[in-house]
Protein backbone atom coordinates (compact mmCIF):
# COMPACT_ATOMS: atom_id res chain seq x y z
CA UNK A 1 0.20 0.10 -0.04
CA UNK A 2 1.15 3.58 -0.86
CA UNK A 3 0.01 6.83 0.69
CA UNK A 4 0.34 10.42 0.47
CA UNK A 5 1.80 12.55 3.20
CA UNK A 6 1.47 16.05 3.40
CA UNK A 7 3.18 18.12 6.05
CA UNK A 8 2.69 21.91 6.62
CA UNK A 9 3.52 24.59 9.47
CA UNK A 10 5.93 27.11 10.43
CA UNK A 11 9.47 26.31 9.21
CA UNK A 12 11.94 24.88 11.77
CA UNK A 13 15.05 22.96 11.75
CA UNK A 14 14.78 19.08 11.49
CA UNK A 15 11.45 18.81 9.79
CA UNK A 16 12.45 16.38 7.02
CA UNK A 17 14.89 14.47 9.17
CA UNK A 18 12.24 13.78 11.95
CA UNK A 19 9.18 12.83 9.46
CA UNK A 20 11.83 10.74 7.36
CA UNK A 21 12.93 8.87 10.88
CA UNK A 22 9.54 8.52 11.81
CA UNK A 23 8.67 6.76 8.48
CA UNK A 24 11.84 4.55 8.46
CA UNK A 25 10.85 3.47 12.16
CA UNK A 26 7.27 2.40 11.39
CA UNK A 27 8.67 0.22 8.37
CA UNK A 28 7.94 2.97 5.33
CA UNK A 29 9.92 3.80 2.49
CA UNK A 30 9.87 7.31 1.11
CA UNK A 31 9.35 6.75 -2.52
CA UNK A 32 9.28 10.42 -3.55
CA UNK A 33 9.35 13.98 -1.97
CA UNK A 34 8.89 17.48 -2.51
CA UNK A 35 9.22 20.35 -0.15
CA UNK A 36 9.43 24.06 -0.55
CA UNK A 37 9.17 27.21 1.79
CA UNK A 38 6.51 29.76 1.29
CA UNK A 39 6.99 33.01 3.29
CA UNK A 40 8.02 31.40 6.09
CA UNK A 41 5.91 28.17 6.12
CA UNK A 42 7.30 24.70 5.41
CA UNK A 43 5.39 22.46 2.75
CA UNK A 44 6.12 18.87 2.02
CA UNK A 45 4.34 16.04 0.30
CA UNK A 46 5.81 12.63 0.33
CA UNK A 47 4.87 9.43 -1.69
CA UNK A 48 5.43 6.75 1.22
CA UNK A 49 5.20 2.75 0.27
CA UNK A 50 3.68 1.27 3.42
CA UNK A 51 3.57 -2.56 2.61
CA UNK A 52 6.16 -3.36 5.16
CA UNK A 53 4.49 -0.82 7.88
CA UNK A 54 4.51 -2.24 11.39
CA UNK A 55 1.13 -0.23 12.19
CA UNK A 56 -1.85 -0.62 10.60
CA UNK A 57 -3.24 2.57 8.93
CA UNK A 58 -5.62 4.10 11.82
CA UNK A 59 -2.36 3.63 14.12
CA UNK A 60 -0.30 5.55 11.79
CA UNK A 61 -2.85 8.12 11.35
CA UNK A 62 -2.88 8.49 15.13
CA UNK A 63 0.85 8.53 15.55
CA UNK A 64 0.89 11.22 13.07
CA UNK A 65 -1.45 13.32 14.63
CA UNK A 66 0.33 13.31 17.68
CA UNK A 67 3.66 13.91 16.19
CA UNK A 68 2.07 16.80 14.34
CA UNK A 69 0.58 18.32 17.24
CA UNK A 70 4.02 18.21 19.25
CA UNK A 71 6.08 19.76 16.07
CA UNK A 72 3.26 22.34 15.74
CA UNK A 73 2.60 21.09 12.36
CA UNK A 74 -0.53 19.93 10.38
CA UNK A 75 0.36 16.20 9.01
CA UNK A 76 -2.16 14.32 6.94
CA UNK A 77 -2.04 11.16 5.20
CA UNK A 78 -4.18 9.31 2.83
CA UNK A 79 -4.10 6.14 1.00
CA UNK A 80 -2.90 6.49 -2.62
CA UNK A 81 -5.83 5.19 -4.12
CA UNK A 82 -8.07 7.61 -2.27
CA UNK A 83 -5.85 10.29 -3.14
CA UNK A 84 -6.08 9.67 -6.76
CA UNK A 85 -9.70 9.09 -6.83
CA UNK A 86 -10.27 12.62 -5.55
CA UNK A 87 -8.00 14.52 -7.73
CA UNK A 88 -8.83 12.59 -10.84
CA UNK A 89 -10.37 15.15 -13.63
């Protein structure tokens, strides 16, 4: 299973490292990443492969919510097929 992870918030040091380490610790793999700064805001989108993840999707969402609160970031994850269906023209 693949998922799209978006991360948005005020720019701080170490965001990519913290999120990347988390993905690795749960058994995920980052397949693609795009990040930018927009007037002091950090914006990142990742394509993550979760087929070897050691958490189910609901547990992963909960841990990302908690991590986002701790880091003062909005972190949202969607299954790739749902993301694609929502953004199909």
